[in-house]
Amino acid sequence: MRLPDDLVPYKRTPDFTETSAPAGLLRAHATKDGVWALIHVLEGRLAYRITDPRRPAGEQVLTPEGEPGVVEPTVLHEVEPLGAVRFYVEFHHREGEARPAGSPHAQV
């Protein structure tokens, strides 16, 4: 999966590791409506799972050599460090739309 062409980045998390990743990322959560994200792995391996009942269940192991994980708006997902890892999340929205206020994550 790829991001739609008309999206632009607007926010980036700090780098996370296997010990600093927020607990909310490690359990099912979703971005807000209109918010897409890319999960970039800088070192190590990170499991990215789609857990949303509206999508086929799936797991992808993200690595620095591979493509980033693509997060669709409102789709439940989670990540799991597979050993030592360093990663960040980059949030995107449609060009010309107002940036989503507050956290790009929806309450789950």
C-alpha atoms as a PDB file:
ATOM      1  CA  MET A   1       0.000   0.000   0.000  1.00  0.00           C
ATOM      2  CA  ARG A   2       1.090   3.558  -0.690  1.00  0.00           C
ATOM      3  CA  LEU A   3       0.041   6.972   0.530  1.00  0.00           C
ATOM      4  CA  PRO A   4      -2.265   8.894  -1.813  1.00  0.00           C
ATOM      5  CA  ASP A   5      -0.322  11.375  -3.946  1.00  0.00           C
ATOM      6  CA  ASP A   6      -2.030  14.484  -2.544  1.00  0.00           C
ATOM      7  CA  LEU A   7      -0.843  13.986   1.060  1.00  0.00           C
ATOM      8  CA  VAL A   8       1.802  16.092   2.751  1.00  0.00           C
ATOM      9  CA  PRO A   9       3.670  15.482   6.027  1.00  0.00           C
ATOM     10  CA  TYR A  10       2.756  17.726   8.958  1.00  0.00           C
ATOM     11  CA  LYS A  11       4.084  16.076  12.124  1.00  0.00           C
ATOM     12  CA  ARG A  12       6.765  13.615  13.202  1.00  0.00           C
ATOM     13  CA  THR A  13       7.304  11.769  16.459  1.00  0.00           C
ATOM     14  CA  PRO A  14      10.670  11.592  18.171  1.00  0.00           C
ATOM     15  CA  ASP A  15      12.662   8.429  17.557  1.00  0.00           C
ATOM     16  CA  PHE A  16      11.427   5.527  19.682  1.00  0.00           C
ATOM     17  CA  THR A  17      13.257   2.377  20.780  1.00  0.00           C
ATOM     18  CA  GLU A  18      12.077  -0.949  22.144  1.00  0.00           C
ATOM     19  CA  THR A  19      12.202   0.582  25.644  1.00  0.00           C
ATOM     20  CA  SER A  20      10.842   4.069  24.885  1.00  0.00           C
ATOM     21  CA  ALA A  21       7.928   3.273  22.559  1.00  0.00           C
ATOM     22  CA  PRO A  22       4.699   4.558  24.136  1.00  0.00           C
ATOM     23  CA  ALA A  23       2.431   1.786  25.427  1.00  0.00           C
ATOM     24  CA  GLY A  24      -0.372   3.097  23.213  1.00  0.00           C
ATOM     25  CA  LEU A  25       1.571   2.187  20.070  1.00  0.00           C
ATOM     26  CA  LEU A  26       1.977  -1.400  21.292  1.00  0.00           C
ATOM     27  CA  ARG A  27      -1.772  -2.074  21.476  1.00  0.00           C
ATOM     28  CA  ALA A  28      -4.592  -1.521  18.997  1.00  0.00           C
ATOM     29  CA  HIS A  29      -5.024   2.165  18.198  1.00  0.00           C
ATOM     30  CA  ALA A  30      -5.947   4.308  15.193  1.00  0.00           C
ATOM     31  CA  THR A  31      -5.225   7.683  13.683  1.00  0.00           C
ATOM     32  CA  LYS A  32      -7.965  10.278  13.386  1.00  0.00           C
ATOM     33  CA  ASP A  33     -10.119  10.649  10.294  1.00  0.00           C
ATOM     34  CA  GLY A  34      -8.025  12.224   7.521  1.00  0.00           C
ATOM     35  CA  VAL A  35      -4.686  11.313   9.150  1.00  0.00           C
ATOM     36  CA  TRP A  36      -2.387   8.874   7.393  1.00  0.00           C
ATOM     37  CA  ALA A  37       1.004   7.822   8.745  1.00  0.00           C
ATOM     38  CA  LEU A  38       4.263   6.226   7.702  1.00  0.00           C
ATOM     39  CA  ILE A  39       6.196   4.093  10.181  1.00  0.00           C
ATOM     40  CA  HIS A  40       9.924   4.441   9.440  1.00  0.00           C
ATOM     41  CA  VAL A  41      12.363   1.919  10.942  1.00  0.00           C
ATOM     42  CA  LEU A  42      15.896   3.274  11.293  1.00  0.00           C
ATOM     43  CA  GLU A  43      17.485   0.246  13.009  1.00  0.00           C
ATOM     44  CA  GLY A  44      16.305  -3.267  13.813  1.00  0.00           C
ATOM     45  CA  ARG A  45      12.913  -4.821  13.105  1.00  0.00           C
ATOM     46  CA  LEU A  46       9.376  -3.835  14.010  1.00  0.00           C
ATOM     47  CA  ALA A  47       6.221  -5.918  13.537  1.00  0.00           C
ATOM     48  CA  TYR A  48       3.331  -3.823  12.184  1.00  0.00           C
ATOM     49  CA  ARG A  49      -0.084  -5.444  12.500  1.00  0.00           C
ATOM     50  CA  ILE A  50      -3.469  -4.454  11.093  1.00  0.00           C
ATOM     51  CA  THR A  51      -6.051  -5.449  13.723  1.00  0.00           C
ATOM     52  CA  ASP A  52      -9.100  -3.628  12.369  1.00  0.00           C
ATOM     53  CA  PRO A  53     -12.131  -5.840  11.636  1.00  0.00           C
ATOM     54  CA  ARG A  54     -12.801  -3.736   8.490  1.00  0.00           C
ATOM     55  CA  ARG A  55      -9.549  -4.937   6.905  1.00  0.00           C
ATOM     56  CA  PRO A  56      -7.958  -8.344   6.383  1.00  0.00           C
ATOM     57  CA  ALA A  57      -5.701  -9.163   9.327  1.00  0.00           C
ATOM     58  CA  GLY A  58      -2.088  -8.747   8.369  1.00  0.00           C
ATOM     59  CA  GLU A  59       1.417  -8.443   9.704  1.00  0.00           C
ATOM     60  CA  GLN A  60       4.430  -6.854   8.086  1.00  0.00           C
ATOM     61  CA  VAL A  61       7.969  -6.838   9.491  1.00  0.00           C
ATOM     62  CA  LEU A  62       9.413  -3.374   8.924  1.00  0.00           C
ATOM     63  CA  THR A  63      13.185  -2.927   8.506  1.00  0.00           C
ATOM     64  CA  PRO A  64      15.456  -0.048   7.471  1.00  0.00           C
ATOM     65  CA  GLU A  65      15.929  -1.660   4.047  1.00  0.00           C
ATOM     66  CA  GLY A  66      12.220  -2.063   3.343  1.00  0.00           C
ATOM     67  CA  GLU A  67       9.338   0.270   2.676  1.00  0.00           C
ATOM     68  CA  PRO A  68       7.766   2.128   5.605  1.00  0.00           C
ATOM     69  CA  GLY A  69       4.525   0.852   7.089  1.00  0.00           C
ATOM     70  CA  VAL A  70       1.477   2.726   5.777  1.00  0.00           C
ATOM     71  CA  VAL A  71      -1.267   3.542   8.288  1.00  0.00           C
ATOM     72  CA  GLU A  72      -4.713   4.387   6.925  1.00  0.00           C
ATOM     73  CA  PRO A  73      -6.995   6.824   8.766  1.00  0.00           C
ATOM     74  CA  THR A  74      -9.124   5.245  11.534  1.00  0.00           C
ATOM     75  CA  VAL A  75      -7.795   1.710  10.861  1.00  0.00           C
ATOM     76  CA  LEU A  76      -6.816  -0.155  14.041  1.00  0.00           C
ATOM     77  CA  HIS A  77      -3.193  -1.239  14.136  1.00  0.00           C
ATOM     78  CA  GLU A  78      -0.330  -1.916  16.546  1.00  0.00           C
ATOM     79  CA  VAL A  79       3.418  -2.379  16.507  1.00  0.00           C
ATOM     80  CA  GLU A  80       5.758  -4.746  18.349  1.00  0.00           C
ATOM     81  CA  PRO A  81       9.532  -4.343  18.600  1.00  0.00           C
ATOM     82  CA  LEU A  82      11.340  -7.510  17.512  1.00  0.00           C
ATOM     83  CA  GLY A  83      14.461  -6.956  19.599  1.00  0.00           C
ATOM     84  CA  ALA A  84      16.442  -3.739  19.551  1.00  0.00           C
ATOM     85  CA  VAL A  85      14.785  -1.206  17.256  1.00  0.00           C
ATOM     86  CA  ARG A  86      14.702   2.526  16.510  1.00  0.00           C
ATOM     87  CA  PHE A  87      11.756   4.004  14.613  1.00  0.00           C
ATOM     88  CA  TYR A  88       9.546   7.063  14.195  1.00  0.00           C
ATOM     89  CA  VAL A  89       6.099   7.854  12.830  1.00  0.00           C
ATOM     90  CA  GLU A  90       5.456  10.587  10.267  1.00  0.00           C
ATOM     91  CA  PHE A  91       1.877  11.899   9.977  1.00  0.00           C
ATOM     92  CA  HIS A  92       0.322  13.126   6.720  1.00  0.00           C
ATOM     93  CA  HIS A  93      -2.893  14.839   5.664  1.00  0.00           C
ATOM     94  CA  ARG A  94      -4.407  16.079   2.435  1.00  0.00           C
ATOM     95  CA  GLU A  95      -2.745  19.167   1.034  1.00  0.00           C
ATOM     96  CA  GLY A  96      -4.940  22.216   1.519  1.00  0.00           C
ATOM     97  CA  GLU A  97      -6.910  20.754   4.445  1.00  0.00           C
ATOM     98  CA  ALA A  98      -6.473  22.135   7.928  1.00  0.00           C
ATOM     99  CA  ARG A  99      -4.106  20.152  10.079  1.00  0.00           C
ATOM    100  CA  PRO A 100      -5.898  17.885  12.540  1.00  0.00           C
ATOM    101  CA  ALA A 101      -5.809  19.517  15.969  1.00  0.00           C
ATOM    102  CA  GLY A 102      -4.123  17.877  18.936  1.00  0.00           C
ATOM    103  CA  SER A 103      -2.838  14.339  18.802  1.00  0.00           C
ATOM    104  CA  PRO A 104      -3.089  12.623  15.422  1.00  0.00           C
ATOM    105  CA  HIS A 105      -4.287   9.498  17.239  1.00  0.00           C
ATOM    106  CA  ALA A 106      -7.925   8.756  17.892  1.00  0.00           C
ATOM    107  CA  GLN A 107      -9.051   7.426  21.245  1.00  0.00           C
ATOM    108  CA  VAL A 108      -9.301   3.628  21.296  1.00  0.00           C
END
